Amino acid sequence: MDWDWADDDEELVTAYHEAGHAIVGCALGAHIASVSLSQASMFDDEDEIGVRRFGDCIVQWGRIDPNSDWQVTRELLTILAGPVAEFVYQSGDEDALDVRTWAGDWRQAQRCVEILKKDPQQQEKLLRQCIAQLRHIVSSEPCWSAIAALADELMLGDEIEGEQVADLVRFWWSRA
């Protein structure tokens, strides 16, 4: 069989993206069930834009009160942390970004902001504030070191269990 594998650079960008979700989610109190990278195969359905990279981060929040703004906010921050980590990894070079791969993240983030703010202008303002806050947090210690360490682990190819993510967060936060 002839497999269509993503190149290493693309896979590394995806690793940082998924690590961003996992580390920020864990730091905000989520249980991360697993984080992984996978390669799209020739049998996968191509979407209209042909994006061929894929990662997965399973975040579990436990009991959630949908009326709790804090719970919705931490979910929003975790969702946005993947794209933000990818952006930071690529040195903030907006030309290097492939935002098409974030469509699912943006849809989830939009659902969160719609719960938090009813006015579309306030929703946009909240998204911008969260992204700015995350850019600062993600690019700073100890968060960036934890994200980089997890991205390195993901590049080895094995699925990362939630306890390993929690161990990374504890390790890097203890050094801060």
C-alpha atoms as a PDB file:
ATOM      1  CA  MET A   1       0.000   0.000   0.000  1.00  0.00           C
ATOM      2  CA  ASP A   2       1.083   3.512  -0.711  1.00  0.00           C
ATOM      3  CA  TRP A   3       0.502   5.673   2.378  1.00  0.00           C
ATOM      4  CA  ASP A   4       0.403   9.455   2.230  1.00  0.00           C
ATOM      5  CA  TRP A   5       2.409  10.425   5.340  1.00  0.00           C
ATOM      6  CA  ALA A   6       2.679  13.983   6.558  1.00  0.00           C
ATOM      7  CA  ASP A   7       6.191  15.361   6.655  1.00  0.00           C
ATOM      8  CA  ASP A   8       7.977  15.693   9.999  1.00  0.00           C
ATOM      9  CA  ASP A   9       7.490  19.465  10.195  1.00  0.00           C
ATOM     10  CA  GLU A  10       3.744  19.141   9.754  1.00  0.00           C
ATOM     11  CA  GLU A  11       3.605  16.365  12.325  1.00  0.00           C
ATOM     12  CA  LEU A  12       5.615  18.438  14.810  1.00  0.00           C
ATOM     13  CA  VAL A  13       3.250  21.388  14.385  1.00  0.00           C
ATOM     14  CA  THR A  14       0.358  19.033  15.122  1.00  0.00           C
ATOM     15  CA  ALA A  15       2.203  17.724  18.183  1.00  0.00           C
ATOM     16  CA  TYR A  16       2.516  21.249  19.591  1.00  0.00           C
ATOM     17  CA  HIS A  17      -1.150  21.878  18.821  1.00  0.00           C
ATOM     18  CA  GLU A  18      -2.326  18.786  20.699  1.00  0.00           C
ATOM     19  CA  ALA A  19       0.162  19.386  23.522  1.00  0.00           C
ATOM     20  CA  GLY A  20      -1.293  22.880  23.947  1.00  0.00           C
ATOM     21  CA  HIS A  21      -4.774  21.454  24.458  1.00  0.00           C
ATOM     22  CA  ALA A  22      -3.520  18.810  26.888  1.00  0.00           C
ATOM     23  CA  ILE A  23      -1.211  20.913  29.056  1.00  0.00           C
ATOM     24  CA  VAL A  24      -3.564  23.876  29.419  1.00  0.00           C
ATOM     25  CA  GLY A  25      -6.559  21.609  30.036  1.00  0.00           C
ATOM     26  CA  CYS A  26      -4.683  19.656  32.689  1.00  0.00           C
ATOM     27  CA  ALA A  27      -3.418  22.854  34.334  1.00  0.00           C
ATOM     28  CA  LEU A  28      -7.025  24.086  34.484  1.00  0.00           C
ATOM     29  CA  GLY A  29      -8.177  20.936  36.262  1.00  0.00           C
ATOM     30  CA  ALA A  30      -9.282  18.606  33.477  1.00  0.00           C
ATOM     31  CA  HIS A  31      -8.435  14.934  33.380  1.00  0.00           C
ATOM     32  CA  ILE A  32      -6.684  14.230  30.085  1.00  0.00           C
ATOM     33  CA  ALA A  33      -7.645  10.713  29.049  1.00  0.00           C
ATOM     34  CA  SER A  34      -5.120  10.562  26.206  1.00  0.00           C
ATOM     35  CA  VAL A  35      -3.225  12.560  23.600  1.00  0.00           C
ATOM     36  CA  SER A  36      -2.014  11.158  20.300  1.00  0.00           C
ATOM     37  CA  LEU A  37      -0.963  11.847  16.757  1.00  0.00           C
ATOM     38  CA  SER A  38      -2.079   9.743  13.850  1.00  0.00           C
ATOM     39  CA  GLN A  39      -1.410   9.763  10.171  1.00  0.00           C
ATOM     40  CA  ALA A  40      -4.259  10.110   7.711  1.00  0.00           C
ATOM     41  CA  SER A  41      -4.352   7.175   5.336  1.00  0.00           C
ATOM     42  CA  MET A  42      -5.329   6.972   1.728  1.00  0.00           C
ATOM     43  CA  PHE A  43      -8.644   5.513   2.910  1.00  0.00           C
ATOM     44  CA  ASP A  44      -9.611   8.604   4.900  1.00  0.00           C
ATOM     45  CA  ASP A  45     -12.159  10.900   3.352  1.00  0.00           C
ATOM     46  CA  GLU A  46     -10.570  14.022   1.965  1.00  0.00           C
ATOM     47  CA  ASP A  47     -12.413  17.170   2.880  1.00  0.00           C
ATOM     48  CA  GLU A  48     -12.744  20.056   0.493  1.00  0.00           C
ATOM     49  CA  ILE A  49      -9.416  21.563   1.529  1.00  0.00           C
ATOM     50  CA  GLY A  50      -7.393  18.379   1.694  1.00  0.00           C
ATOM     51  CA  VAL A  51      -5.991  18.757   5.207  1.00  0.00           C
ATOM     52  CA  ARG A  52      -4.100  15.542   6.000  1.00  0.00           C
ATOM     53  CA  ARG A  53      -2.837  15.962   9.563  1.00  0.00           C
ATOM     54  CA  PHE A  54      -4.600  14.768  12.640  1.00  0.00           C
ATOM     55  CA  GLY A  55      -4.123  14.662  16.353  1.00  0.00           C
ATOM     56  CA  ASP A  56      -6.419  13.886  19.207  1.00  0.00           C
ATOM     57  CA  CYS A  57      -6.675  15.079  22.785  1.00  0.00           C
ATOM     58  CA  ILE A  58      -9.436  13.593  24.945  1.00  0.00           C
ATOM     59  CA  VAL A  59     -10.319  16.053  27.720  1.00  0.00           C
ATOM     60  CA  GLN A  60     -12.672  15.032  30.526  1.00  0.00           C
ATOM     61  CA  TRP A  61     -14.044  17.647  32.893  1.00  0.00           C
ATOM     62  CA  GLY A  62     -16.124  15.416  35.149  1.00  0.00           C
ATOM     63  CA  ARG A  63     -19.388  16.863  36.409  1.00  0.00           C
ATOM     64  CA  ILE A  64     -20.130  20.077  34.573  1.00  0.00           C
ATOM     65  CA  ASP A  65     -22.637  22.741  35.439  1.00  0.00           C
ATOM     66  CA  PRO A  66     -23.450  24.360  32.076  1.00  0.00           C
ATOM     67  CA  ASN A  67     -24.499  27.503  33.956  1.00  0.00           C
ATOM     68  CA  SER A  68     -21.048  27.952  35.494  1.00  0.00           C
ATOM     69  CA  ASP A  69     -19.150  30.611  33.582  1.00  0.00           C
ATOM     70  CA  TRP A  70     -15.840  29.343  35.002  1.00  0.00           C
ATOM     71  CA  GLN A  71     -16.418  25.848  33.634  1.00  0.00           C
ATOM     72  CA  VAL A  72     -17.300  27.171  30.190  1.00  0.00           C
ATOM     73  CA  THR A  73     -14.317  29.564  30.310  1.00  0.00           C
ATOM     74  CA  ARG A  74     -11.812  26.845  31.133  1.00  0.00           C
ATOM     75  CA  GLU A  75     -13.224  24.713  28.326  1.00  0.00           C
ATOM     76  CA  LEU A  76     -12.865  27.695  25.978  1.00  0.00           C
ATOM     77  CA  LEU A  77      -9.249  28.257  27.062  1.00  0.00           C
ATOM     78  CA  THR A  78      -8.434  24.579  26.550  1.00  0.00           C
ATOM     79  CA  ILE A  79      -9.976  24.592  23.081  1.00  0.00           C
ATOM     80  CA  LEU A  80      -8.045  27.702  22.040  1.00  0.00           C
ATOM     81  CA  ALA A  81      -4.781  26.493  23.604  1.00  0.00           C
ATOM     82  CA  GLY A  82      -4.102  24.127  20.678  1.00  0.00           C
ATOM     83  CA  PRO A  83      -4.159  26.796  17.965  1.00  0.00           C
ATOM     84  CA  VAL A  84      -2.308  29.240  20.224  1.00  0.00           C
ATOM     85  CA  ALA A  85       0.460  26.720  21.000  1.00  0.00           C
ATOM     86  CA  GLU A  86       0.811  26.049  17.288  1.00  0.00           C
ATOM     87  CA  PHE A  87       1.045  29.787  16.644  1.00  0.00           C
ATOM     88  CA  VAL A  88       3.688  30.267  19.350  1.00  0.00           C
ATOM     89  CA  TYR A  89       5.670  27.267  18.067  1.00  0.00           C
ATOM     90  CA  GLN A  90       5.764  28.827  14.621  1.00  0.00           C
ATOM     91  CA  SER A  91       7.225  31.993  16.201  1.00  0.00           C
ATOM     92  CA  GLY A  92       4.065  33.980  15.725  1.00  0.00           C
ATOM     93  CA  ASP A  93       4.509  33.859  11.953  1.00  0.00           C
ATOM     94  CA  GLU A  94       0.965  34.223  10.736  1.00  0.00           C
ATOM     95  CA  ASP A  95       1.998  33.358   7.166  1.00  0.00           C
ATOM     96  CA  ALA A  96       3.156  29.910   8.327  1.00  0.00           C
ATOM     97  CA  LEU A  97      -0.176  29.018   9.891  1.00  0.00           C
ATOM     98  CA  ASP A  98      -2.742  26.728   8.329  1.00  0.00           C
ATOM     99  CA  VAL A  99      -5.874  27.912  10.096  1.00  0.00           C
ATOM    100  CA  ARG A 100      -8.025  25.559   8.019  1.00  0.00           C
ATOM    101  CA  THR A 101      -6.931  22.782  10.353  1.00  0.00           C
ATOM    102  CA  TRP A 102      -8.456  24.666  13.283  1.00  0.00           C
ATOM    103  CA  ALA A 103     -12.023  24.748  11.962  1.00  0.00           C
ATOM    104  CA  GLY A 104     -13.252  22.271  14.580  1.00  0.00           C
ATOM    105  CA  ASP A 105     -11.541  24.189  17.373  1.00  0.00           C
ATOM    106  CA  TRP A 106     -13.075  27.477  16.210  1.00  0.00           C
ATOM    107  CA  ARG A 107     -16.567  25.951  16.062  1.00  0.00           C
ATOM    108  CA  GLN A 108     -16.202  24.608  19.608  1.00  0.00           C
ATOM    109  CA  ALA A 109     -14.796  27.919  20.846  1.00  0.00           C
ATOM    110  CA  GLN A 110     -17.666  29.806  19.231  1.00  0.00           C
ATOM    111  CA  ARG A 111     -20.201  27.590  21.030  1.00  0.00           C
ATOM    112  CA  CYS A 112     -18.498  28.423  24.335  1.00  0.00           C
ATOM    113  CA  VAL A 113     -18.477  32.172  23.758  1.00  0.00           C
ATOM    114  CA  GLU A 114     -22.134  32.071  22.735  1.00  0.00           C
ATOM    115  CA  ILE A 115     -22.912  30.613  26.164  1.00  0.00           C
ATOM    116  CA  LEU A 116     -20.838  33.271  27.923  1.00  0.00           C
ATOM    117  CA  LYS A 117     -21.871  36.325  25.871  1.00  0.00           C
ATOM    118  CA  LYS A 118     -25.080  36.920  23.951  1.00  0.00           C
ATOM    119  CA  ASP A 119     -23.924  39.983  21.995  1.00  0.00           C
ATOM    120  CA  PRO A 120     -21.831  39.113  18.897  1.00  0.00           C
ATOM    121  CA  GLN A 121     -19.483  42.060  19.526  1.00  0.00           C
ATOM    122  CA  GLN A 122     -18.922  40.882  23.099  1.00  0.00           C
ATOM    123  CA  GLN A 123     -18.304  37.353  21.800  1.00  0.00           C
ATOM    124  CA  GLU A 124     -15.601  38.626  19.447  1.00  0.00           C
ATOM    125  CA  LYS A 125     -14.069  40.703  22.223  1.00  0.00           C
ATOM    126  CA  LEU A 126     -13.999  37.686  24.565  1.00  0.00           C
ATOM    127  CA  LEU A 127     -12.325  35.503  21.917  1.00  0.00           C
ATOM    128  CA  ARG A 128      -9.638  38.130  21.343  1.00  0.00           C
ATOM    129  CA  GLN A 129      -9.043  38.515  25.086  1.00  0.00           C
ATOM    130  CA  CYS A 130      -8.729  34.757  25.599  1.00  0.00           C
ATOM    131  CA  ILE A 131      -6.321  34.387  22.689  1.00  0.00           C
ATOM    132  CA  ALA A 132      -4.163  37.281  23.945  1.00  0.00           C
ATOM    133  CA  GLN A 133      -4.134  35.850  27.468  1.00  0.00           C
ATOM    134  CA  LEU A 134      -3.253  32.388  26.170  1.00  0.00           C
ATOM    135  CA  ARG A 135      -0.431  33.717  23.964  1.00  0.00           C
ATOM    136  CA  HIS A 136       1.174  35.175  27.055  1.00  0.00           C
ATOM    137  CA  ILE A 137       0.600  32.099  29.248  1.00  0.00           C
ATOM    138  CA  VAL A 138       1.530  29.483  26.641  1.00  0.00           C
ATOM    139  CA  SER A 139       4.747  31.228  25.631  1.00  0.00           C
ATOM    140  CA  SER A 140       5.872  31.643  29.251  1.00  0.00           C
ATOM    141  CA  GLU A 141       7.342  29.244  31.780  1.00  0.00           C
ATOM    142  CA  PRO A 142       6.370  26.741  32.991  1.00  0.00           C
ATOM    143  CA  CYS A 143       3.678  26.208  30.368  1.00  0.00           C
ATOM    144  CA  TRP A 144       5.937  26.342  27.307  1.00  0.00           C
ATOM    145  CA  SER A 145       8.408  23.794  28.676  1.00  0.00           C
ATOM    146  CA  ALA A 146       5.586  21.390  29.495  1.00  0.00           C
ATOM    147  CA  ILE A 147       4.075  21.808  26.020  1.00  0.00           C
ATOM    148  CA  ALA A 148       7.456  21.254  24.350  1.00  0.00           C
ATOM    149  CA  ALA A 149       8.143  18.156  26.453  1.00  0.00           C
ATOM    150  CA  LEU A 150       4.748  16.675  25.592  1.00  0.00           C
ATOM    151  CA  ALA A 151       5.186  17.498  21.883  1.00  0.00           C
ATOM    152  CA  ASP A 152       8.516  15.651  21.948  1.00  0.00           C
ATOM    153  CA  GLU A 153       6.825  12.634  23.542  1.00  0.00           C
ATOM    154  CA  LEU A 154       4.069  12.712  20.931  1.00  0.00           C
ATOM    155  CA  MET A 155       6.646  12.655  18.140  1.00  0.00           C
ATOM    156  CA  LEU A 156       7.777   9.236  19.362  1.00  0.00           C
ATOM    157  CA  GLY A 157       4.485   7.941  18.030  1.00  0.00           C
ATOM    158  CA  ASP A 158       2.827   6.393  21.047  1.00  0.00           C
ATOM    159  CA  GLU A 159      -0.420   7.509  22.600  1.00  0.00           C
ATOM    160  CA  ILE A 160       0.233   9.490  25.783  1.00  0.00           C
ATOM    161  CA  GLU A 161      -1.920   8.578  28.766  1.00  0.00           C
ATOM    162  CA  GLY A 162      -3.438  11.233  30.986  1.00  0.00           C
ATOM    163  CA  GLU A 163      -1.236  10.423  33.975  1.00  0.00           C
ATOM    164  CA  GLN A 164       1.857  11.229  31.902  1.00  0.00           C
ATOM    165  CA  VAL A 165       0.347  14.626  31.050  1.00  0.00           C
ATOM    166  CA  ALA A 166      -0.418  15.261  34.731  1.00  0.00           C
ATOM    167  CA  ASP A 167       3.150  14.258  35.625  1.00  0.00           C
ATOM    168  CA  LEU A 168       4.534  16.782  33.128  1.00  0.00           C
ATOM    169  CA  VAL A 169       2.333  19.545  34.528  1.00  0.00           C
ATOM    170  CA  ARG A 170       3.377  18.729  38.109  1.00  0.00           C
ATOM    171  CA  PHE A 171       7.056  18.531  37.134  1.00  0.00           C
ATOM    172  CA  TRP A 172       7.223  21.822  35.239  1.00  0.00           C
ATOM    173  CA  TRP A 173       4.972  23.744  37.635  1.00  0.00           C
ATOM    174  CA  SER A 174       7.100  22.582  40.575  1.00  0.00           C
ATOM    175  CA  ARG A 175      10.118  24.220  38.903  1.00  0.00           C
ATOM    176  CA  ALA A 176       8.369  27.552  38.394  1.00  0.00           C
END
